[in-house]
């Protein structure tokens, strides 16, 4: 380093940390390091990590909280150390699947532009133009930030993928990124992706390849990220978003409004409208309970603190959507409908889990904001 880095200074704390990291990686176990500004912690853990993968000891995941640090590691620190230390290894920046464009879903969205409100159609055209130019295909490569409903309609999703049957499989942005990640020695990711992977591994799936070692930088933030991925969060907004994408009574847009000829979505549309009313009443009861009891509970609620008046309607909607999915001839429409079947399933599961409160290692509470 002293020969390659202009203005290099020997830092005893950096050497101490590097030795401690090296020992932990080689001998196993856990190491927690509090490294203040100026220690040079990135080099202190990267050098032992590079030595380890260079010796063929296994794959390392480096997890960070901020995009800034990820980009510094992957674009600056790791390439510099690779040149400095020599050796052959590969490092990639891993992103969650939802960050990547799905070309098949984009084609479907363009075909069904009437699904979207007028202000979103111009965004769709911009994304289509960008899709023909980008090599990366991820959100960070777009010159603007797409609105939620538009990106939700065109991004890559696990349950909405045809895999090898997709005509775009060989040039799929996500699949190409996944292949690079699978072959890499060092994977740089954010905490959210690390916990998504851990949560999926509990269910037998994964979004990251198996790794033998993990280095968590910016670890002071992991508690909140873990809450998001191992907890459940049910809100009036999440239900409104689900129903709005299926059918909006105000604009008469949504997937159910524009199914191909031969399908009969009227029953599902009526069910969605019924759930919207039931959800409004339900969340009013939740707020009333919160306002009435918060002085003594601070929002902490017991099992079955209210009647679950939504799950039954969601189950009926799920069954009707599944029936529609069997009936439609268009493969893209079928996949989009099945995606909403899965979302209804997930929401019912979350409501049951919240009301029954059978997990003893969890805390259940209500929050109410303004608006």
Protein backbone atom coordinates (compact mmCIF):
# COMPACT_ATOMS: atom_id res chain seq x y z
CA UNK A 1 0.00 0.00 0.00
CA UNK A 2 2.79 2.42 0.89
CA UNK A 3 4.24 1.94 -2.61
CA UNK A 4 0.91 2.37 -4.42
CA UNK A 5 -0.95 5.02 -2.44
CA UNK A 6 0.21 8.62 -2.52
CA UNK A 7 0.38 10.11 0.97
CA UNK A 8 0.09 6.71 2.68
CA UNK A 9 0.27 6.86 6.49
CA UNK A 10 0.87 3.95 8.82
CA UNK A 11 -2.15 3.59 11.13
CA UNK A 12 -1.67 1.21 14.11
CA UNK A 13 -5.46 0.84 14.58
CA UNK A 14 -5.86 -0.20 10.94
CA UNK A 15 -3.19 -2.89 11.29
CA UNK A 16 -4.74 -4.07 14.57
CA UNK A 17 -8.18 -4.33 12.95
CA UNK A 18 -6.81 -6.11 9.86
CA UNK A 19 -5.07 -8.69 12.06
CA UNK A 20 -8.25 -9.23 14.11
CA UNK A 21 -10.36 -9.65 10.95
CA UNK A 22 -7.82 -12.04 9.44
CA UNK A 23 -7.80 -14.17 12.61
CA UNK A 24 -11.62 -14.26 12.74
CA UNK A 25 -11.89 -15.28 9.07
CA UNK A 26 -9.24 -17.99 9.34
CA UNK A 27 -10.21 -19.43 12.73
CA UNK A 28 -13.99 -18.90 12.62
CA UNK A 29 -16.18 -17.19 15.18
CA UNK A 30 -17.60 -13.70 15.38
CA UNK A 31 -15.81 -10.37 15.61
CA UNK A 32 -17.35 -6.97 16.38
CA UNK A 33 -15.19 -3.91 15.68
CA UNK A 34 -15.96 -0.29 16.53
CA UNK A 35 -13.79 1.73 14.17
CA UNK A 36 -13.96 5.51 14.33
CA UNK A 37 -13.37 7.92 11.48
CA UNK A 38 -9.81 7.78 10.15
CA UNK A 39 -9.08 4.14 10.99
CA UNK A 40 -9.43 3.05 7.36
CA UNK A 41 -11.77 0.18 8.15
CA UNK A 42 -12.58 -0.68 4.52
CA UNK A 43 -8.97 -1.60 3.74
CA UNK A 44 -8.67 -3.28 7.14
CA UNK A 45 -11.33 -5.85 6.25
CA UNK A 46 -10.85 -5.94 2.46
CA UNK A 47 -7.19 -6.98 2.56
CA UNK A 48 -7.82 -10.09 4.73
CA UNK A 49 -10.92 -10.86 2.62
CA UNK A 50 -8.94 -10.69 -0.63
CA UNK A 51 -6.19 -12.89 0.83
CA UNK A 52 -8.80 -15.43 1.93
CA UNK A 53 -10.57 -15.74 -1.44
CA UNK A 54 -7.17 -15.74 -3.16
CA UNK A 55 -6.32 -18.86 -1.16
CA UNK A 56 -9.54 -20.50 -2.35
CA UNK A 57 -11.11 -20.61 1.11
CA UNK A 58 -14.63 -19.65 -0.02
CA UNK A 59 -17.01 -16.89 -1.01
CA UNK A 60 -17.40 -13.68 1.08
CA UNK A 61 -20.44 -11.41 1.38
CA UNK A 62 -19.78 -7.77 2.32
CA UNK A 63 -22.99 -6.06 3.41
CA UNK A 64 -23.37 -2.26 3.73
CA UNK A 65 -26.23 0.10 4.51
CA UNK A 66 -25.59 2.94 2.06
CA UNK A 67 -25.28 2.94 -1.72
CA UNK A 68 -22.37 5.39 -1.38
CA UNK A 69 -20.25 2.84 0.48
CA UNK A 70 -21.22 0.03 -1.91
CA UNK A 71 -20.10 2.08 -4.89
CA UNK A 72 -16.88 3.11 -3.13
CA UNK A 73 -16.04 -0.54 -2.44
CA UNK A 74 -16.89 -1.89 -5.88
CA UNK A 75 -15.63 1.03 -8.03
CA UNK A 76 -12.65 2.28 -6.05
CA UNK A 77 -11.33 0.28 -3.08
CA UNK A 78 -11.53 -3.27 -4.44
CA UNK A 79 -10.08 -2.46 -7.91
CA UNK A 80 -7.25 -0.51 -6.25
CA UNK A 81 -6.41 -3.36 -3.86
CA UNK A 82 -6.64 -5.90 -6.66
CA UNK A 83 -4.03 -3.95 -8.62
CA UNK A 84 -1.97 -3.40 -5.48
CA UNK A 85 -1.99 -6.94 -4.10
CA UNK A 86 -2.19 -8.88 -7.34
CA UNK A 87 -4.01 -12.20 -7.50
CA UNK A 88 -7.07 -13.21 -9.45
CA UNK A 89 -10.52 -12.87 -7.95
CA UNK A 90 -13.84 -11.36 -8.96
CA UNK A 91 -16.09 -8.96 -7.05
CA UNK A 92 -19.65 -7.91 -7.97
CA UNK A 93 -22.30 -5.55 -6.65
CA UNK A 94 -25.48 -7.56 -6.04
CA UNK A 95 -28.89 -5.87 -6.22
CA UNK A 96 -32.33 -7.14 -5.35
CA UNK A 97 -34.38 -8.65 -8.17
CA UNK A 98 -36.93 -5.83 -8.05
CA UNK A 99 -34.20 -3.40 -9.14
CA UNK A 100 -34.06 -4.96 -12.61
CA UNK A 101 -36.29 -4.40 -15.63
CA UNK A 102 -38.18 -7.39 -17.00
CA UNK A 103 -38.29 -7.08 -20.80
CA UNK A 104 -41.29 -9.40 -21.12
CA UNK A 105 -43.34 -7.42 -18.58
CA UNK A 106 -42.32 -4.16 -20.27
CA UNK A 107 -43.66 -5.46 -23.59
CA UNK A 108 -46.93 -6.44 -21.89
CA UNK A 109 -47.23 -3.03 -20.17
CA UNK A 110 -46.67 -1.24 -23.49
CA UNK A 111 -49.35 -3.42 -25.11
CA UNK A 112 -51.72 -2.59 -22.26
CA UNK A 113 -50.92 1.10 -21.78
CA UNK A 114 -54.57 1.68 -20.90
CA UNK A 115 -53.83 -0.02 -17.57
CA UNK A 116 -52.15 3.20 -16.47
CA UNK A 117 -53.37 6.68 -15.70
CA UNK A 118 -52.44 9.21 -18.41
CA UNK A 119 -49.58 10.75 -16.41
CA UNK A 120 -47.75 7.39 -16.38
CA UNK A 121 -47.78 6.54 -20.10
CA UNK A 122 -44.95 8.97 -20.90
CA UNK A 123 -42.83 7.27 -18.22
CA UNK A 124 -43.49 3.93 -19.88
CA UNK A 125 -42.23 5.28 -23.20
CA UNK A 126 -39.08 6.61 -21.53
CA UNK A 127 -38.42 3.21 -19.97
CA UNK A 128 -38.95 1.50 -23.33
CA UNK A 129 -36.39 3.82 -24.97
CA UNK A 130 -33.92 3.26 -22.10
CA UNK A 131 -34.38 -0.54 -22.29
CA UNK A 132 -32.97 -0.52 -25.83
CA UNK A 133 -29.80 1.29 -24.72
CA UNK A 134 -28.93 0.05 -21.21
CA UNK A 135 -26.44 -2.75 -20.61
CA UNK A 136 -27.16 -2.91 -16.88
CA UNK A 137 -30.98 -2.82 -16.85
CA UNK A 138 -31.25 -1.72 -13.23
CA UNK A 139 -32.92 1.26 -11.57
CA UNK A 140 -29.62 2.97 -10.83
CA UNK A 141 -28.98 3.24 -14.58
CA UNK A 142 -32.19 5.20 -15.37
CA UNK A 143 -31.86 8.97 -15.69
CA UNK A 144 -35.13 9.55 -13.78
CA UNK A 145 -36.94 7.83 -10.90
CA UNK A 146 -39.99 5.93 -12.20
CA UNK A 147 -43.20 6.22 -10.17
CA UNK A 148 -44.21 3.25 -8.02
CA UNK A 149 -47.11 1.91 -10.14
CA UNK A 150 -45.06 2.03 -13.37
CA UNK A 151 -41.96 0.30 -12.00
CA UNK A 152 -44.15 -2.24 -10.17
CA UNK A 153 -45.60 -3.18 -13.57
CA UNK A 154 -42.27 -3.73 -15.36
CA UNK A 155 -39.73 -4.91 -12.81
CA UNK A 156 -38.45 -8.46 -12.42
CA UNK A 157 -40.32 -10.64 -9.91
CA UNK A 158 -39.76 -14.17 -8.66
CA UNK A 159 -43.39 -15.30 -8.95
CA UNK A 160 -43.87 -13.65 -12.32
CA UNK A 161 -41.04 -15.16 -14.32
CA UNK A 162 -41.19 -17.72 -17.12
CA UNK A 163 -37.57 -18.71 -16.56
CA UNK A 164 -36.01 -20.54 -19.50
CA UNK A 165 -39.33 -20.44 -21.37
CA UNK A 166 -39.10 -16.65 -21.61
CA UNK A 167 -37.95 -15.41 -25.05
CA UNK A 168 -35.68 -12.89 -23.28
CA UNK A 169 -34.04 -15.42 -20.91
CA UNK A 170 -30.54 -15.31 -22.43
CA UNK A 171 -30.48 -11.49 -22.42
CA UNK A 172 -32.47 -11.04 -19.20
CA UNK A 173 -30.88 -8.30 -17.09
CA UNK A 174 -31.57 -10.07 -13.80
CA UNK A 175 -30.40 -13.51 -15.00
CA UNK A 176 -27.17 -12.02 -16.35
CA UNK A 177 -26.56 -10.28 -13.01
CA UNK A 178 -27.35 -13.50 -11.13
CA UNK A 179 -24.83 -15.46 -13.22
CA UNK A 180 -22.14 -12.86 -12.40
CA UNK A 181 -23.01 -13.07 -8.70
CA UNK A 182 -22.93 -16.88 -8.70
CA UNK A 183 -19.38 -16.91 -10.06
CA UNK A 184 -17.99 -14.05 -7.93
CA UNK A 185 -15.56 -14.50 -5.04
CA UNK A 186 -16.64 -11.32 -3.21
CA UNK A 187 -20.25 -10.13 -3.24
CA UNK A 188 -21.04 -6.57 -2.17
CA UNK A 189 -24.71 -6.10 -1.21
CA UNK A 190 -26.86 -3.98 1.05
CA UNK A 191 -28.37 -5.07 4.37
CA UNK A 192 -31.84 -5.28 2.82
CA UNK A 193 -30.70 -7.86 0.25
CA UNK A 194 -28.78 -9.84 2.89
CA UNK A 195 -31.88 -10.08 5.10
CA UNK A 196 -34.15 -10.84 2.11
CA UNK A 197 -31.85 -13.76 1.36
CA UNK A 198 -31.88 -14.95 5.00
CA UNK A 199 -35.68 -14.70 5.16
CA UNK A 200 -36.02 -16.68 1.91
CA UNK A 201 -33.54 -19.31 3.11
CA UNK A 202 -35.90 -19.97 6.03
CA UNK A 203 -38.43 -20.99 3.36
CA UNK A 204 -35.97 -22.99 1.24
CA UNK A 205 -35.23 -20.27 -1.34
CA UNK A 206 -32.49 -17.67 -1.86
CA UNK A 207 -31.56 -14.54 -3.78
CA UNK A 208 -27.82 -14.84 -3.15
CA UNK A 209 -25.53 -17.82 -3.76
CA UNK A 210 -24.16 -19.64 -0.72
CA UNK A 211 -21.33 -17.78 0.99
CA UNK A 212 -18.98 -18.96 3.73
CA UNK A 213 -18.11 -15.62 5.37
CA UNK A 214 -19.92 -12.34 5.95
CA UNK A 215 -18.56 -8.88 6.78
CA UNK A 216 -21.23 -6.39 7.88
CA UNK A 217 -20.16 -2.76 7.53
CA UNK A 218 -22.33 0.06 8.90
CA UNK A 219 -23.75 -2.56 11.27
CA UNK A 220 -25.46 0.00 13.50
CA UNK A 221 -28.36 -0.04 11.03
CA UNK A 222 -29.03 -3.78 10.80
CA UNK A 223 -31.67 -3.91 13.54
CA UNK A 224 -34.16 -1.76 11.61
CA UNK A 225 -33.52 -3.61 8.34
CA UNK A 226 -34.02 -6.97 10.09
CA UNK A 227 -37.38 -5.73 11.44
CA UNK A 228 -38.52 -4.99 7.89
CA UNK A 229 -37.57 -8.42 6.54
CA UNK A 230 -38.43 -10.73 9.42
CA UNK A 231 -41.52 -8.81 10.51
CA UNK A 232 -44.89 -8.15 8.90
CA UNK A 233 -46.39 -4.77 8.09
CA UNK A 234 -50.08 -4.47 7.19
CA UNK A 235 -51.40 -1.04 6.26
CA UNK A 236 -54.37 0.57 4.57
CA UNK A 237 -51.96 1.85 1.89
CA UNK A 238 -50.70 -1.65 1.02
CA UNK A 239 -54.29 -2.86 0.52
CA UNK A 240 -55.21 0.26 -1.50
CA UNK A 241 -52.17 -0.30 -3.74
CA UNK A 242 -53.10 -3.95 -4.34
CA UNK A 243 -56.72 -3.14 -5.20
CA UNK A 244 -55.82 -0.08 -7.30
CA UNK A 245 -53.56 -2.17 -9.54
CA UNK A 246 -56.41 -4.64 -10.07
CA UNK A 247 -59.17 -2.10 -10.67
CA UNK A 248 -59.71 1.54 -9.79
CA UNK A 249 -63.41 2.51 -9.42
CA UNK A 250 -62.47 6.18 -10.02
CA UNK A 251 -60.53 5.76 -13.28
CA UNK A 252 -61.84 2.33 -14.33
CA UNK A 253 -58.26 1.31 -15.02
CA UNK A 254 -56.32 -1.69 -13.82
CA UNK A 255 -55.58 -5.24 -14.91
CA UNK A 256 -59.18 -6.47 -14.55
CA UNK A 257 -60.50 -3.65 -16.75
CA UNK A 258 -58.50 -4.71 -19.79
CA UNK A 259 -58.36 -8.50 -19.82
CA UNK A 260 -58.50 -10.01 -23.29
CA UNK A 261 -61.82 -10.93 -24.87
CA UNK A 262 -63.49 -14.06 -23.57
CA UNK A 263 -62.71 -13.50 -19.89
CA UNK A 264 -65.37 -12.40 -17.38
CA UNK A 265 -63.76 -10.15 -14.75
CA UNK A 266 -67.01 -8.49 -13.54
CA UNK A 267 -67.26 -10.69 -10.43
CA UNK A 268 -63.65 -10.01 -9.43
CA UNK A 269 -64.18 -6.26 -9.98
CA UNK A 270 -67.20 -6.34 -7.64
CA UNK A 271 -65.17 -8.27 -5.05
CA UNK A 272 -62.33 -5.74 -5.19
CA UNK A 273 -64.82 -2.88 -4.68
CA UNK A 274 -66.33 -4.72 -1.70
CA UNK A 275 -62.89 -5.23 -0.13
CA UNK A 276 -62.09 -1.54 -0.56
CA UNK A 277 -65.18 -0.64 1.50
CA UNK A 278 -64.51 -3.35 4.09
CA UNK A 279 -60.87 -2.25 4.41
CA UNK A 280 -61.92 1.36 4.98
CA UNK A 281 -64.26 0.26 7.80
CA UNK A 282 -61.69 -2.14 9.21
CA UNK A 283 -58.89 0.42 9.48
CA UNK A 284 -61.34 2.89 11.03
CA UNK A 285 -61.98 0.31 13.76
CA UNK A 286 -58.22 -0.16 14.18
CA UNK A 287 -57.74 3.60 14.59
CA UNK A 288 -60.67 3.83 17.01
CA UNK A 289 -59.15 1.01 19.09
CA UNK A 290 -55.78 2.76 19.06
CA UNK A 291 -57.20 6.14 20.11
CA UNK A 292 -59.29 4.52 22.85
CA UNK A 293 -56.51 2.38 24.37
CA UNK A 294 -53.20 4.05 23.57
CA UNK A 295 -52.94 5.65 27.03
CA UNK A 296 -52.54 2.21 28.59
CA UNK A 297 -51.24 0.09 25.68
CA UNK A 298 -49.17 2.54 23.61
CA UNK A 299 -50.42 0.53 20.61
CA UNK A 300 -49.37 -2.92 21.88
CA UNK A 301 -52.27 -5.26 21.07
CA UNK A 302 -53.33 -8.73 22.22
CA UNK A 303 -54.42 -11.65 20.02
CA UNK A 304 -57.74 -11.13 18.21
CA UNK A 305 -58.03 -7.60 19.61
CA UNK A 306 -60.51 -6.96 16.77
CA UNK A 307 -62.49 -9.16 14.40
CA UNK A 308 -60.69 -9.90 11.13
CA UNK A 309 -63.31 -8.71 8.65
CA UNK A 310 -61.01 -8.70 5.59
CA UNK A 311 -59.38 -12.13 5.21
CA UNK A 312 -62.56 -13.93 4.12
CA UNK A 313 -63.15 -11.43 1.31
CA UNK A 314 -59.49 -11.64 0.22
CA UNK A 315 -59.73 -15.44 0.05
CA UNK A 316 -62.80 -15.15 -2.19
CA UNK A 317 -61.01 -12.64 -4.43
CA UNK A 318 -57.96 -14.91 -4.56
CA UNK A 319 -60.14 -17.85 -5.69
CA UNK A 320 -61.84 -15.73 -8.37
CA UNK A 321 -58.50 -14.44 -9.69
CA UNK A 322 -57.16 -18.01 -9.83
CA UNK A 323 -60.25 -19.01 -11.85
CA UNK A 324 -59.67 -16.10 -14.24
CA UNK A 325 -56.00 -17.05 -14.60
CA UNK A 326 -57.04 -20.54 -15.76
CA UNK A 327 -59.51 -19.09 -18.26
CA UNK A 328 -57.39 -16.44 -20.01
CA UNK A 329 -55.44 -17.44 -23.12
CA UNK A 330 -52.77 -14.72 -22.99
CA UNK A 331 -49.72 -16.06 -21.08
CA UNK A 332 -48.69 -12.59 -19.87
CA UNK A 333 -52.18 -11.90 -18.51
CA UNK A 334 -52.11 -15.29 -16.79
CA UNK A 335 -48.83 -14.49 -15.03
CA UNK A 336 -50.02 -11.04 -13.97
CA UNK A 337 -53.20 -12.54 -12.49
CA UNK A 338 -51.24 -15.25 -10.67
CA UNK A 339 -49.05 -12.50 -9.22
CA UNK A 340 -52.12 -10.99 -7.58
CA UNK A 341 -53.23 -14.44 -6.42
CA UNK A 342 -49.89 -14.69 -4.58
CA UNK A 343 -50.29 -11.19 -3.12
CA UNK A 344 -53.76 -12.01 -1.79
CA UNK A 345 -52.35 -15.22 -0.28
CA UNK A 346 -49.51 -13.32 1.38
CA UNK A 347 -51.86 -10.68 2.81
CA UNK A 348 -54.22 -13.32 4.25
CA UNK A 349 -51.21 -15.08 5.81
CA UNK A 350 -50.01 -11.83 7.36
CA UNK A 351 -53.44 -10.97 8.76
CA UNK A 352 -53.79 -14.46 10.28
CA UNK A 353 -50.31 -14.25 11.76
CA UNK A 354 -51.02 -10.83 13.27
CA UNK A 355 -54.41 -11.69 14.75
CA UNK A 356 -53.49 -15.14 16.11
CA UNK A 357 -50.09 -13.99 17.50
CA UNK A 358 -48.82 -17.55 17.82
CA UNK A 359 -45.14 -16.63 17.57
CA UNK A 360 -43.84 -16.01 21.07
CA UNK A 361 -40.65 -14.28 19.85
CA UNK A 362 -42.55 -11.41 18.21
CA UNK A 363 -44.10 -8.13 19.36
CA UNK A 364 -47.40 -6.96 17.85
CA UNK A 365 -48.49 -3.34 17.80
CA UNK A 366 -50.56 -0.70 16.02
CA UNK A 367 -49.34 2.67 14.78
CA UNK A 368 -51.64 5.41 13.52
CA UNK A 369 -50.41 8.39 11.53
CA UNK A 370 -52.22 11.47 10.27
CA UNK A 371 -53.90 11.36 6.89
